[in-house]
Amino acid sequence: MANEQYNYEGTENHDLVYDLRQRYAKLVGDHLEMISVLRIAKNYPEYFNALDHLYTIIEFKFKERTKEKAMTWEKIKQKVDDYAMLRKDVIAIALKYPQVWFSKSINNQGVELIEQALKNIERYLIFKMGEANMFGSKREVEGLI
């Protein structure tokens, strides 16, 4: 019986895979909800951390959109990581407006720049999740045509 759970054709493994997908979907959904709450609360440091955590969870789902099957190491090194640039922007703005970042001061320009930079990361992540069909796809689900 113990060996049956390692049978790739058996229902036990199928159930495990389904359970892992369900758990992953819940984890991603929980993070999206947390991000929304933190954005509304204007808790910039935690909002940023939540976005960074979401990136860590979903990063492996992003597919390289290139016609070439294999990229050389030089091309990989030259590739610009959009997320890293967006993250760097948030950090630079937070350092420029630390009092606003920690909600100890209200500077309209600082608030606007911080919120825009954080929303840029959130939009990027949502876009990448859509590209990876993490929200589902009609063609993959029977009965939704």
Protein backbone atom coordinates (compact mmCIF):
# COMPACT_ATOMS: atom_id res chain seq x y z
CA MET A 1 0.00 0.00 0.00
CA ALA A 2 2.78 2.46 0.86
CA ASN A 3 4.25 2.09 -2.64
CA GLU A 4 0.93 2.99 -4.25
CA GLN A 5 1.21 6.64 -3.22
CA TYR A 6 4.30 6.93 -5.42
CA ASN A 7 2.48 5.49 -8.42
CA TYR A 8 2.32 8.34 -10.94
CA GLU A 9 -0.71 6.79 -12.62
CA GLY A 10 -2.63 6.23 -9.41
CA THR A 11 -5.31 8.46 -7.95
CA GLU A 12 -3.29 9.17 -4.81
CA ASN A 13 -0.72 11.18 -6.75
CA HIS A 14 -3.44 12.88 -8.81
CA ASP A 15 -5.15 13.94 -5.59
CA LEU A 16 -1.86 15.25 -4.19
CA VAL A 17 -1.18 17.31 -7.31
CA TYR A 18 -4.73 18.69 -7.19
CA ASP A 19 -4.33 19.49 -3.49
CA LEU A 20 -1.01 21.27 -4.15
CA ARG A 21 -2.60 23.34 -6.93
CA GLN A 22 -5.48 24.23 -4.64
CA ARG A 23 -3.07 25.22 -1.85
CA TYR A 24 -0.95 27.27 -4.26
CA ALA A 25 -4.05 29.09 -5.55
CA LYS A 26 -5.12 29.83 -1.97
CA LEU A 27 -1.64 31.09 -1.08
CA VAL A 28 -1.57 33.43 -4.08
CA GLY A 29 -5.13 34.58 -3.37
CA ASP A 30 -4.30 35.26 0.28
CA HIS A 31 -1.32 37.38 -0.78
CA LEU A 32 -3.41 39.34 -3.27
CA GLU A 33 -5.96 40.04 -0.54
CA MET A 34 -3.23 41.12 1.89
CA ILE A 35 -1.76 43.44 -0.76
CA SER A 36 -5.15 45.04 -1.30
CA VAL A 37 -5.67 45.62 2.43
CA LEU A 38 -2.20 47.12 2.87
CA ARG A 39 -2.63 49.35 -0.18
CA ILE A 40 -5.90 50.73 1.19
CA ALA A 41 -4.32 51.21 4.64
CA LYS A 42 -1.39 53.08 3.01
CA ASN A 43 1.06 50.96 4.99
CA TYR A 44 3.86 51.39 2.46
CA PRO A 45 6.59 49.26 4.03
CA GLU A 46 4.27 46.28 4.52
CA TYR A 47 2.64 46.82 1.11
CA PHE A 48 6.10 46.68 -0.47
CA ASN A 49 7.02 43.57 1.52
CA ALA A 50 3.77 41.86 0.53
CA LEU A 51 4.44 42.61 -3.15
CA ASP A 52 7.95 41.24 -2.78
CA HIS A 53 6.60 38.07 -1.13
CA LEU A 54 4.07 37.63 -3.94
CA TYR A 55 6.86 37.96 -6.50
CA THR A 56 8.80 35.24 -4.72
CA ILE A 57 5.78 32.92 -4.85
CA ILE A 58 4.83 33.48 -8.48
CA GLU A 59 8.17 34.25 -10.16
CA PHE A 60 8.69 30.70 -11.42
CA LYS A 61 5.42 30.89 -13.37
CA PHE A 62 6.73 33.65 -15.64
CA LYS A 63 7.77 32.32 -18.99
CA GLU A 64 10.49 33.87 -21.08
CA ARG A 65 8.83 35.29 -24.17
CA THR A 66 11.48 34.61 -26.75
CA LYS A 67 11.43 32.81 -30.08
CA GLU A 68 14.79 31.27 -29.36
CA LYS A 69 14.58 28.07 -27.35
CA ALA A 70 17.99 28.47 -25.73
CA MET A 71 19.44 31.76 -24.63
CA THR A 72 23.16 32.23 -24.35
CA TRP A 73 24.62 33.33 -21.04
CA GLU A 74 25.48 36.73 -22.57
CA LYS A 75 21.86 37.32 -23.58
CA ILE A 76 20.69 36.31 -20.13
CA LYS A 77 23.12 38.76 -18.49
CA GLN A 78 21.94 41.56 -20.80
CA LYS A 79 18.27 40.90 -20.16
CA VAL A 80 16.70 43.64 -18.07
CA ASP A 81 14.74 42.33 -15.12
CA ASP A 82 11.64 44.54 -15.04
CA TYR A 83 10.78 43.52 -11.49
CA ALA A 84 14.25 44.37 -10.20
CA MET A 85 14.04 47.82 -11.83
CA LEU A 86 10.60 48.49 -10.36
CA ARG A 87 11.79 47.32 -6.94
CA LYS A 88 14.85 49.56 -7.19
CA ASP A 89 12.58 52.53 -7.99
CA VAL A 90 10.50 51.93 -4.85
CA ILE A 91 13.59 51.71 -2.68
CA ALA A 92 15.03 54.93 -4.14
CA ILE A 93 11.77 56.81 -3.54
CA ALA A 94 11.45 55.38 -0.01
CA LEU A 95 14.97 56.57 0.77
CA LYS A 96 14.17 60.01 -0.63
CA TYR A 97 10.97 60.29 1.44
CA PRO A 98 11.58 58.19 4.58
CA GLN A 99 9.12 60.15 6.74
CA VAL A 100 6.35 59.54 4.20
CA TRP A 101 7.40 55.89 3.81
CA PHE A 102 6.86 55.29 7.53
CA SER A 103 3.70 57.46 7.64
CA LYS A 104 5.31 60.02 9.93
CA SER A 105 4.78 62.88 7.51
CA ILE A 106 2.48 63.75 4.66
CA ASN A 107 4.23 65.18 1.65
CA ASN A 108 1.88 65.12 -1.34
CA GLN A 109 4.65 64.59 -3.85
CA GLY A 110 6.24 61.83 -1.73
CA VAL A 111 2.91 60.06 -1.23
CA GLU A 112 2.15 60.24 -4.95
CA LEU A 113 5.57 58.90 -5.96
CA ILE A 114 5.52 56.08 -3.40
CA GLU A 115 2.00 54.98 -4.24
CA GLN A 116 2.67 55.09 -7.98
CA ALA A 117 5.87 53.07 -7.65
CA LEU A 118 4.15 50.43 -5.49
CA LYS A 119 1.18 50.25 -7.85
CA ASN A 120 3.58 49.81 -10.77
CA ILE A 121 4.95 46.69 -9.08
CA GLU A 122 1.45 45.42 -8.33
CA ARG A 123 0.31 46.00 -11.93
CA TYR A 124 3.43 44.28 -13.25
CA LEU A 125 2.84 41.23 -11.07
CA ILE A 126 -0.85 41.01 -12.01
CA PHE A 127 0.09 41.34 -15.69
CA LYS A 128 2.69 38.57 -15.41
CA MET A 129 0.21 36.37 -13.54
CA GLY A 130 -2.26 36.88 -16.39
CA GLU A 131 0.39 35.98 -18.95
CA ALA A 132 1.04 32.77 -17.02
CA ASN A 133 -2.72 31.99 -16.98
CA MET A 134 -2.67 31.93 -13.20
CA PHE A 135 -6.24 33.25 -13.18
CA GLY A 136 -7.43 30.41 -15.37
CA SER A 137 -8.13 30.08 -19.04
CA LYS A 138 -11.37 29.25 -20.85
CA ARG A 139 -9.72 26.74 -23.12
CA GLU A 140 -8.42 24.77 -20.15
CA VAL A 141 -11.74 24.44 -18.31
CA GLU A 142 -14.54 22.37 -19.80
CA GLY A 143 -17.94 23.99 -20.04
CA LEU A 144 -16.71 27.59 -20.17
CA ILE A 145 -16.80 28.01 -23.94
